[in-house]
Amino acid sequence: MRHRTKTHLLTKEQIDDLFKRAEVGRLGTFSSNGFPYVLPMHFVYVDNKIYMHGLPKGKKIDNIKFNSNVCFEVDEMLSLLYEGVENPCDVNTEFNSIIVEDKASLVSDLDEKKMALSSIVAKFTSHLVDKELPSKMINGIAVIKIDILECVGRYYK
């Protein structure tokens, strides 16, 4: 298994493509009590950055303020590989995945927040892309950014 994860790497183009088409990623943060906290988040990928949004208060925000080191994971299961398999332990999965380890920050610049939120609207609710985002909403929502310096994409077929 170890050898395969080193030889089955996605290209930069494949990583970009998966980031753009995936709808949900998992954000992993550190809690002050020492436990990891992982939650699914809608996200958008823009200029080698991941943007997510949510309430300005809560566990994920507290955790990012406590420790900005995060992990972000995206995956897609394409199929189970079980044809001709006699032993259940030999069933495998065709998949693509990306793991990012980096730092998260809360976006305070209003222009960047608006850009991120507009990108989220375009990705998930494109029929509303022409609607103006109310400034009260932009000011009242938290936007989390991960600058991706390095990530690893893997596949198995």
N, C-alpha and C. Protein backbone atom coordinates (compact mmCIF):
# COMPACT_ATOMS: atom_id res chain seq x y z
N MET A 1 0.82 -1.19 0.00
CA MET A 1 0.00 0.00 0.00
C MET A 1 0.87 1.26 0.00
N ARG A 2 1.91 1.31 0.81
CA ARG A 2 2.76 2.49 0.88
C ARG A 2 3.37 2.84 -0.46
N HIS A 3 3.86 1.82 -1.15
CA HIS A 3 4.48 2.07 -2.45
C HIS A 3 3.47 2.69 -3.41
N ARG A 4 2.25 2.17 -3.40
CA ARG A 4 1.22 2.65 -4.33
C ARG A 4 0.90 4.12 -4.08
N THR A 5 0.86 4.56 -2.84
CA THR A 5 0.51 5.96 -2.57
C THR A 5 1.60 6.91 -3.03
N LYS A 6 2.81 6.41 -3.23
CA LYS A 6 3.89 7.26 -3.74
C LYS A 6 3.95 7.25 -5.26
N THR A 7 3.41 6.21 -5.88
CA THR A 7 3.49 6.12 -7.33
C THR A 7 2.19 6.55 -8.02
N HIS A 8 1.10 6.65 -7.31
CA HIS A 8 -0.18 7.01 -7.89
C HIS A 8 -0.53 8.46 -7.51
N LEU A 9 0.26 9.39 -8.00
CA LEU A 9 0.06 10.80 -7.65
C LEU A 9 -0.69 11.52 -8.77
N LEU A 10 -1.64 12.36 -8.38
CA LEU A 10 -2.35 13.20 -9.33
C LEU A 10 -1.42 14.32 -9.81
N THR A 11 -1.60 14.74 -11.04
CA THR A 11 -0.85 15.89 -11.56
C THR A 11 -1.47 17.17 -11.02
N LYS A 12 -0.77 18.28 -11.17
CA LYS A 12 -1.30 19.59 -10.75
C LYS A 12 -2.63 19.86 -11.45
N GLU A 13 -2.72 19.53 -12.73
CA GLU A 13 -3.96 19.76 -13.49
C GLU A 13 -5.10 18.89 -12.94
N GLN A 14 -4.82 17.65 -12.58
CA GLN A 14 -5.84 16.76 -12.02
C GLN A 14 -6.27 17.25 -10.64
N ILE A 15 -5.32 17.76 -9.86
CA ILE A 15 -5.65 18.31 -8.55
C ILE A 15 -6.56 19.53 -8.71
N ASP A 16 -6.19 20.44 -9.61
CA ASP A 16 -7.01 21.63 -9.85
C ASP A 16 -8.42 21.23 -10.27
N ASP A 17 -8.52 20.25 -11.16
CA ASP A 17 -9.82 19.79 -11.66
C ASP A 17 -10.68 19.21 -10.54
N LEU A 18 -10.09 18.38 -9.68
CA LEU A 18 -10.85 17.80 -8.57
C LEU A 18 -11.28 18.89 -7.60
N PHE A 19 -10.40 19.84 -7.28
CA PHE A 19 -10.78 20.95 -6.41
C PHE A 19 -11.96 21.72 -7.00
N LYS A 20 -11.96 21.92 -8.30
CA LYS A 20 -13.02 22.72 -8.94
C LYS A 20 -14.35 21.97 -9.00
N ARG A 21 -14.33 20.66 -9.17
CA ARG A 21 -15.61 19.95 -9.31
C ARG A 21 -16.15 19.41 -7.98
N ALA A 22 -15.30 19.25 -6.99
CA ALA A 22 -15.77 18.73 -5.69
C ALA A 22 -16.63 19.77 -5.00
N GLU A 23 -17.66 19.33 -4.34
CA GLU A 23 -18.56 20.24 -3.65
C GLU A 23 -18.31 20.30 -2.15
N VAL A 24 -17.81 19.21 -1.60
CA VAL A 24 -17.61 19.14 -0.15
C VAL A 24 -16.19 18.70 0.14
N GLY A 25 -15.57 19.37 1.09
CA GLY A 25 -14.27 18.97 1.60
C GLY A 25 -14.38 18.84 3.11
N ARG A 26 -13.40 18.23 3.71
CA ARG A 26 -13.41 18.07 5.16
C ARG A 26 -12.29 18.91 5.76
N LEU A 27 -12.69 19.81 6.65
CA LEU A 27 -11.76 20.70 7.34
C LEU A 27 -11.43 20.10 8.69
N GLY A 28 -10.14 19.89 8.94
CA GLY A 28 -9.68 19.36 10.22
C GLY A 28 -8.95 20.46 10.98
N THR A 29 -9.40 20.69 12.22
CA THR A 29 -8.79 21.71 13.08
C THR A 29 -8.40 21.06 14.40
N PHE A 30 -7.66 21.83 15.21
CA PHE A 30 -7.27 21.38 16.54
C PHE A 30 -8.08 22.12 17.60
N SER A 31 -8.67 21.37 18.52
CA SER A 31 -9.41 21.96 19.63
C SER A 31 -8.45 22.24 20.78
N SER A 32 -8.82 23.21 21.61
CA SER A 32 -7.98 23.53 22.78
C SER A 32 -7.94 22.37 23.78
N ASN A 33 -8.91 21.44 23.68
CA ASN A 33 -8.90 20.28 24.58
C ASN A 33 -8.02 19.15 24.05
N GLY A 34 -7.33 19.40 22.92
CA GLY A 34 -6.40 18.41 22.39
C GLY A 34 -6.98 17.46 21.37
N PHE A 35 -8.29 17.51 21.16
CA PHE A 35 -8.92 16.61 20.20
C PHE A 35 -9.03 17.26 18.83
N PRO A 36 -8.84 16.47 17.78
CA PRO A 36 -9.06 17.01 16.43
C PRO A 36 -10.56 17.19 16.20
N TYR A 37 -10.89 18.10 15.33
CA TYR A 37 -12.28 18.38 14.98
C TYR A 37 -12.36 18.43 13.46
N VAL A 38 -13.18 17.57 12.88
CA VAL A 38 -13.29 17.49 11.42
C VAL A 38 -14.75 17.69 11.04
N LEU A 39 -14.96 18.57 10.06
CA LEU A 39 -16.32 18.77 9.62
C LEU A 39 -16.38 18.99 8.11
N PRO A 40 -17.48 18.52 7.50
CA PRO A 40 -17.64 18.72 6.06
C PRO A 40 -18.01 20.18 5.79
N MET A 41 -17.43 20.74 4.73
CA MET A 41 -17.68 22.14 4.38
C MET A 41 -17.81 22.28 2.87
N HIS A 42 -18.79 23.06 2.43
CA HIS A 42 -18.81 23.49 1.03
C HIS A 42 -17.63 24.43 0.86
N PHE A 43 -17.03 24.45 -0.31
CA PHE A 43 -15.86 25.31 -0.51
C PHE A 43 -15.76 25.70 -1.97
N VAL A 44 -14.90 26.67 -2.20
CA VAL A 44 -14.56 27.07 -3.55
C VAL A 44 -13.05 27.19 -3.63
N TYR A 45 -12.52 26.88 -4.80
CA TYR A 45 -11.07 26.90 -5.05
C TYR A 45 -10.79 28.02 -6.04
N VAL A 46 -10.06 29.04 -5.58
CA VAL A 46 -9.76 30.22 -6.40
C VAL A 46 -8.30 30.60 -6.21
N ASP A 47 -7.55 30.70 -7.30
CA ASP A 47 -6.15 31.17 -7.26
C ASP A 47 -5.31 30.41 -6.22
N ASN A 48 -5.43 29.09 -6.23
CA ASN A 48 -4.67 28.23 -5.32
C ASN A 48 -4.98 28.47 -3.84
N LYS A 49 -6.22 28.89 -3.60
CA LYS A 49 -6.72 29.09 -2.24
C LYS A 49 -8.06 28.40 -2.10
N ILE A 50 -8.35 27.95 -0.90
CA ILE A 50 -9.65 27.38 -0.58
C ILE A 50 -10.39 28.39 0.29
N TYR A 51 -11.62 28.67 -0.08
CA TYR A 51 -12.47 29.55 0.71
C TYR A 51 -13.71 28.79 1.15
N MET A 52 -14.08 28.99 2.42
CA MET A 52 -15.29 28.42 3.00
C MET A 52 -15.98 29.54 3.77
N HIS A 53 -17.24 29.37 4.05
CA HIS A 53 -17.94 30.39 4.82
C HIS A 53 -18.83 29.74 5.88
N GLY A 54 -19.18 30.54 6.87
CA GLY A 54 -20.05 30.04 7.93
C GLY A 54 -20.29 31.11 8.97
N LEU A 55 -20.89 30.68 10.06
CA LEU A 55 -21.17 31.61 11.14
C LEU A 55 -19.86 32.15 11.73
N PRO A 56 -19.88 33.39 12.20
CA PRO A 56 -18.65 33.98 12.73
C PRO A 56 -18.27 33.48 14.13
N LYS A 57 -19.11 32.64 14.72
CA LYS A 57 -18.81 32.08 16.03
C LYS A 57 -19.04 30.58 15.97
N GLY A 58 -18.29 29.87 16.78
CA GLY A 58 -18.47 28.42 16.83
C GLY A 58 -17.15 27.71 16.98
N LYS A 59 -17.23 26.41 17.03
CA LYS A 59 -16.05 25.59 17.32
C LYS A 59 -14.97 25.72 16.25
N LYS A 60 -15.33 25.71 14.97
CA LYS A 60 -14.30 25.79 13.93
C LYS A 60 -13.58 27.13 13.99
N ILE A 61 -14.31 28.21 14.26
CA ILE A 61 -13.69 29.54 14.37
C ILE A 61 -12.80 29.59 15.60
N ASP A 62 -13.29 29.09 16.72
CA ASP A 62 -12.49 29.04 17.95
C ASP A 62 -11.21 28.24 17.72
N ASN A 63 -11.34 27.12 17.04
CA ASN A 63 -10.17 26.26 16.80
C ASN A 63 -9.14 26.95 15.90
N ILE A 64 -9.60 27.63 14.85
CA ILE A 64 -8.66 28.32 13.96
C ILE A 64 -7.95 29.44 14.70
N LYS A 65 -8.66 30.12 15.58
CA LYS A 65 -8.03 31.18 16.39
C LYS A 65 -7.03 30.58 17.38
N PHE A 66 -7.34 29.38 17.89
CA PHE A 66 -6.45 28.71 18.84
C PHE A 66 -5.19 28.19 18.14
N ASN A 67 -5.37 27.58 16.97
CA ASN A 67 -4.26 26.99 16.23
C ASN A 67 -4.62 27.03 14.75
N SER A 68 -3.92 27.81 13.98
CA SER A 68 -4.27 27.99 12.57
C SER A 68 -3.83 26.83 11.67
N ASN A 69 -3.10 25.86 12.21
CA ASN A 69 -2.73 24.67 11.42
C ASN A 69 -3.98 23.84 11.15
N VAL A 70 -4.21 23.55 9.88
CA VAL A 70 -5.39 22.78 9.50
C VAL A 70 -5.02 21.72 8.48
N CYS A 71 -5.93 20.79 8.31
CA CYS A 71 -5.87 19.82 7.24
C CYS A 71 -7.18 19.95 6.48
N PHE A 72 -7.11 19.87 5.16
CA PHE A 72 -8.31 19.91 4.34
C PHE A 72 -8.24 18.75 3.37
N GLU A 73 -9.32 17.99 3.26
CA GLU A 73 -9.32 16.78 2.45
C GLU A 73 -10.52 16.78 1.52
N VAL A 74 -10.26 16.37 0.27
CA VAL A 74 -11.30 16.20 -0.74
C VAL A 74 -11.11 14.82 -1.35
N ASP A 75 -12.21 14.12 -1.61
CA ASP A 75 -12.08 12.82 -2.25
C ASP A 75 -13.29 12.53 -3.10
N GLU A 76 -13.12 11.59 -4.00
CA GLU A 76 -14.24 11.06 -4.76
C GLU A 76 -14.03 9.56 -4.95
N MET A 77 -15.04 8.81 -4.60
CA MET A 77 -15.01 7.37 -4.83
C MET A 77 -15.63 7.13 -6.20
N LEU A 78 -14.90 6.51 -7.08
CA LEU A 78 -15.38 6.29 -8.44
C LEU A 78 -16.08 4.94 -8.58
N SER A 79 -15.54 3.92 -7.93
CA SER A 79 -16.19 2.60 -7.96
C SER A 79 -15.51 1.65 -6.99
N LEU A 80 -16.22 0.57 -6.68
CA LEU A 80 -15.61 -0.54 -5.95
C LEU A 80 -15.06 -1.50 -6.99
N LEU A 81 -13.87 -2.00 -6.73
CA LEU A 81 -13.21 -2.93 -7.65
C LEU A 81 -13.32 -4.34 -7.06
N TYR A 82 -14.40 -5.03 -7.40
CA TYR A 82 -14.65 -6.34 -6.81
C TYR A 82 -14.90 -7.44 -7.83
N GLU A 83 -14.93 -7.13 -9.10
CA GLU A 83 -15.17 -8.17 -10.11
C GLU A 83 -14.03 -9.18 -10.10
N GLY A 84 -14.41 -10.44 -10.04
CA GLY A 84 -13.43 -11.51 -10.03
C GLY A 84 -12.76 -11.71 -8.69
N VAL A 85 -13.16 -10.97 -7.70
CA VAL A 85 -12.54 -11.07 -6.37
C VAL A 85 -13.26 -12.16 -5.57
N GLU A 86 -12.49 -13.07 -5.01
CA GLU A 86 -13.04 -14.16 -4.21
C GLU A 86 -12.97 -13.87 -2.71
N ASN A 87 -11.99 -13.08 -2.32
CA ASN A 87 -11.76 -12.78 -0.90
C ASN A 87 -12.20 -11.35 -0.62
N PRO A 88 -13.10 -11.14 0.35
CA PRO A 88 -13.56 -9.79 0.66
C PRO A 88 -12.42 -8.81 0.98
N CYS A 89 -11.32 -9.33 1.50
CA CYS A 89 -10.18 -8.46 1.83
C CYS A 89 -9.45 -7.96 0.59
N ASP A 90 -9.75 -8.52 -0.57
CA ASP A 90 -9.09 -8.11 -1.81
C ASP A 90 -9.90 -7.07 -2.60
N VAL A 91 -11.08 -6.70 -2.11
CA VAL A 91 -11.86 -5.65 -2.76
C VAL A 91 -11.12 -4.33 -2.59
N ASN A 92 -11.09 -3.53 -3.64
CA ASN A 92 -10.39 -2.26 -3.59
C ASN A 92 -11.34 -1.16 -4.07
N THR A 93 -10.86 0.07 -4.05
CA THR A 93 -11.66 1.23 -4.42
C THR A 93 -10.92 2.05 -5.46
N GLU A 94 -11.63 2.44 -6.51
CA GLU A 94 -11.09 3.41 -7.46
C GLU A 94 -11.46 4.78 -6.92
N PHE A 95 -10.46 5.64 -6.73
CA PHE A 95 -10.70 6.94 -6.10
C PHE A 95 -9.70 7.98 -6.56
N ASN A 96 -10.03 9.22 -6.26
CA ASN A 96 -9.12 10.36 -6.34
C ASN A 96 -9.23 11.09 -5.01
N SER A 97 -8.12 11.61 -4.50
CA SER A 97 -8.17 12.36 -3.24
C SER A 97 -7.06 13.41 -3.19
N ILE A 98 -7.31 14.42 -2.38
CA ILE A 98 -6.33 15.48 -2.15
C ILE A 98 -6.27 15.74 -0.66
N ILE A 99 -5.07 15.92 -0.15
CA ILE A 99 -4.89 16.30 1.24
C ILE A 99 -4.01 17.55 1.28
N VAL A 100 -4.51 18.56 1.99
CA VAL A 100 -3.79 19.82 2.18
C VAL A 100 -3.47 19.95 3.65
N GLU A 101 -2.24 20.28 3.97
CA GLU A 101 -1.87 20.64 5.34
C GLU A 101 -1.29 22.05 5.26
N ASP A 102 -1.95 22.97 5.94
CA ASP A 102 -1.49 24.36 5.87
C ASP A 102 -2.11 25.17 6.98
N LYS A 103 -2.11 26.46 6.82
CA LYS A 103 -2.68 27.37 7.82
C LYS A 103 -3.95 28.00 7.28
N ALA A 104 -4.93 28.15 8.16
CA ALA A 104 -6.18 28.81 7.81
C ALA A 104 -6.20 30.18 8.46
N SER A 105 -6.91 31.09 7.82
CA SER A 105 -7.08 32.42 8.41
C SER A 105 -8.50 32.88 8.15
N LEU A 106 -8.93 33.84 8.95
CA LEU A 106 -10.24 34.46 8.76
C LEU A 106 -10.03 35.70 7.91
N VAL A 107 -10.77 35.79 6.82
CA VAL A 107 -10.63 36.90 5.88
C VAL A 107 -11.31 38.14 6.47
N SER A 108 -10.55 39.22 6.58
CA SER A 108 -11.13 40.47 7.08
C SER A 108 -11.29 41.52 5.98
N ASP A 109 -10.53 41.40 4.91
CA ASP A 109 -10.64 42.35 3.81
C ASP A 109 -11.99 42.18 3.12
N LEU A 110 -12.79 43.24 3.06
CA LEU A 110 -14.14 43.15 2.52
C LEU A 110 -14.18 42.79 1.03
N ASP A 111 -13.23 43.30 0.26
CA ASP A 111 -13.19 42.95 -1.16
C ASP A 111 -12.89 41.46 -1.36
N GLU A 112 -11.97 40.93 -0.56
CA GLU A 112 -11.66 39.50 -0.67
C GLU A 112 -12.84 38.65 -0.21
N LYS A 113 -13.52 39.08 0.86
CA LYS A 113 -14.70 38.36 1.33
C LYS A 113 -15.78 38.34 0.25
N LYS A 114 -16.00 39.48 -0.36
CA LYS A 114 -17.02 39.57 -1.41
C LYS A 114 -16.66 38.67 -2.59
N MET A 115 -15.39 38.68 -2.99
CA MET A 115 -14.94 37.82 -4.08
C MET A 115 -15.17 36.35 -3.73
N ALA A 116 -14.80 35.95 -2.51
CA ALA A 116 -14.96 34.56 -2.09
C ALA A 116 -16.43 34.16 -2.06
N LEU A 117 -17.26 35.01 -1.49
CA LEU A 117 -18.69 34.70 -1.40
C LEU A 117 -19.34 34.69 -2.78
N SER A 118 -18.94 35.60 -3.64
CA SER A 118 -19.46 35.60 -5.02
C SER A 118 -19.04 34.33 -5.75
N SER A 119 -17.84 33.85 -5.50
CA SER A 119 -17.36 32.60 -6.10
C SER A 119 -18.15 31.41 -5.59
N ILE A 120 -18.49 31.43 -4.32
CA ILE A 120 -19.31 30.36 -3.74
C ILE A 120 -20.70 30.37 -4.36
N VAL A 121 -21.29 31.56 -4.51
CA VAL A 121 -22.60 31.68 -5.16
C VAL A 121 -22.52 31.13 -6.59
N ALA A 122 -21.49 31.51 -7.33
CA ALA A 122 -21.34 31.05 -8.71
C ALA A 122 -21.22 29.54 -8.79
N LYS A 123 -20.54 28.94 -7.85
CA LYS A 123 -20.34 27.48 -7.88
C LYS A 123 -21.60 26.72 -7.50
N PHE A 124 -22.31 27.17 -6.47
CA PHE A 124 -23.40 26.38 -5.91
C PHE A 124 -24.79 26.85 -6.31
N THR A 125 -24.94 28.13 -6.61
CA THR A 125 -26.25 28.68 -6.96
C THR A 125 -26.08 29.65 -8.12
N SER A 126 -25.62 29.13 -9.23
CA SER A 126 -25.28 29.99 -10.37
C SER A 126 -26.46 30.81 -10.88
N HIS A 127 -27.68 30.34 -10.63
CA HIS A 127 -28.85 31.11 -11.05
C HIS A 127 -29.01 32.41 -10.26
N LEU A 128 -28.27 32.58 -9.19
CA LEU A 128 -28.34 33.79 -8.36
C LEU A 128 -27.11 34.69 -8.51
N VAL A 129 -26.25 34.36 -9.47
CA VAL A 129 -24.97 35.05 -9.59
C VAL A 129 -25.13 36.55 -9.89
N ASP A 130 -26.23 36.95 -10.50
CA ASP A 130 -26.43 38.37 -10.83
C ASP A 130 -26.99 39.18 -9.66
N LYS A 131 -27.32 38.53 -8.57
CA LYS A 131 -27.88 39.22 -7.40
C LYS A 131 -26.75 39.86 -6.59
N GLU A 132 -27.01 41.04 -6.09
CA GLU A 132 -26.02 41.76 -5.27
C GLU A 132 -25.97 41.13 -3.88
N LEU A 133 -24.77 40.93 -3.37
CA LEU A 133 -24.61 40.42 -2.00
C LEU A 133 -24.77 41.59 -1.04
N PRO A 134 -25.72 41.51 -0.11
CA PRO A 134 -25.92 42.61 0.84
C PRO A 134 -24.68 42.81 1.71
N SER A 135 -24.27 44.06 1.89
CA SER A 135 -23.07 44.35 2.68
C SER A 135 -23.22 43.87 4.12
N LYS A 136 -24.44 43.89 4.65
CA LYS A 136 -24.67 43.40 6.01
C LYS A 136 -24.34 41.91 6.11
N MET A 137 -24.68 41.17 5.05
CA MET A 137 -24.36 39.74 5.03
C MET A 137 -22.85 39.53 4.92
N ILE A 138 -22.20 40.29 4.04
CA ILE A 138 -20.76 40.16 3.86
C ILE A 138 -20.04 40.44 5.17
N ASN A 139 -20.48 41.48 5.87
CA ASN A 139 -19.84 41.84 7.14
C ASN A 139 -20.13 40.83 8.24
N GLY A 140 -21.29 40.17 8.19
CA GLY A 140 -21.71 39.31 9.29
C GLY A 140 -21.34 37.84 9.15
N ILE A 141 -20.69 37.49 8.07
CA ILE A 141 -20.36 36.08 7.85
C ILE A 141 -18.84 35.88 7.97
N ALA A 142 -18.45 34.73 8.43
CA ALA A 142 -17.02 34.41 8.49
C ALA A 142 -16.61 33.74 7.19
N VAL A 143 -15.51 34.17 6.64
CA VAL A 143 -14.91 33.52 5.48
C VAL A 143 -13.54 33.00 5.90
N ILE A 144 -13.36 31.72 5.72
CA ILE A 144 -12.11 31.05 6.08
C ILE A 144 -11.32 30.83 4.80
N LYS A 145 -10.03 31.12 4.87
CA LYS A 145 -9.16 30.95 3.71
C LYS A 145 -7.99 30.04 4.08
N ILE A 146 -7.68 29.13 3.17
CA ILE A 146 -6.47 28.32 3.28
C ILE A 146 -5.63 28.64 2.04
N ASP A 147 -4.46 29.23 2.25
CA ASP A 147 -3.50 29.43 1.17
C ASP A 147 -2.78 28.10 0.98
N ILE A 148 -2.93 27.51 -0.18
CA ILE A 148 -2.33 26.20 -0.41
C ILE A 148 -0.89 26.39 -0.88
N LEU A 149 0.04 26.06 -0.02
CA LEU A 149 1.44 26.09 -0.39
C LEU A 149 1.87 24.74 -0.95
N GLU A 150 1.27 23.69 -0.40
CA GLU A 150 1.61 22.34 -0.84
C GLU A 150 0.45 21.42 -0.55
N CYS A 151 0.20 20.51 -1.47
CA CYS A 151 -0.82 19.50 -1.24
C CYS A 151 -0.43 18.23 -2.00
N VAL A 152 -1.08 17.14 -1.65
CA VAL A 152 -0.80 15.86 -2.31
C VAL A 152 -2.11 15.30 -2.82
N GLY A 153 -2.13 14.95 -4.10
CA GLY A 153 -3.28 14.29 -4.70
C GLY A 153 -2.90 12.87 -5.06
N ARG A 154 -3.80 11.94 -4.76
CA ARG A 154 -3.55 10.53 -5.05
C ARG A 154 -4.74 9.92 -5.77
N TYR A 155 -4.47 8.82 -6.48
CA TYR A 155 -5.52 8.10 -7.15
C TYR A 155 -5.25 6.61 -7.09
N TYR A 156 -6.29 5.85 -7.33
CA TYR A 156 -6.11 4.42 -7.55
C TYR A 156 -7.16 3.99 -8.56
N LYS A 157 -6.71 3.22 -9.55
CA LYS A 157 -7.62 2.67 -10.58
C LYS A 157 -7.33 1.22 -10.78
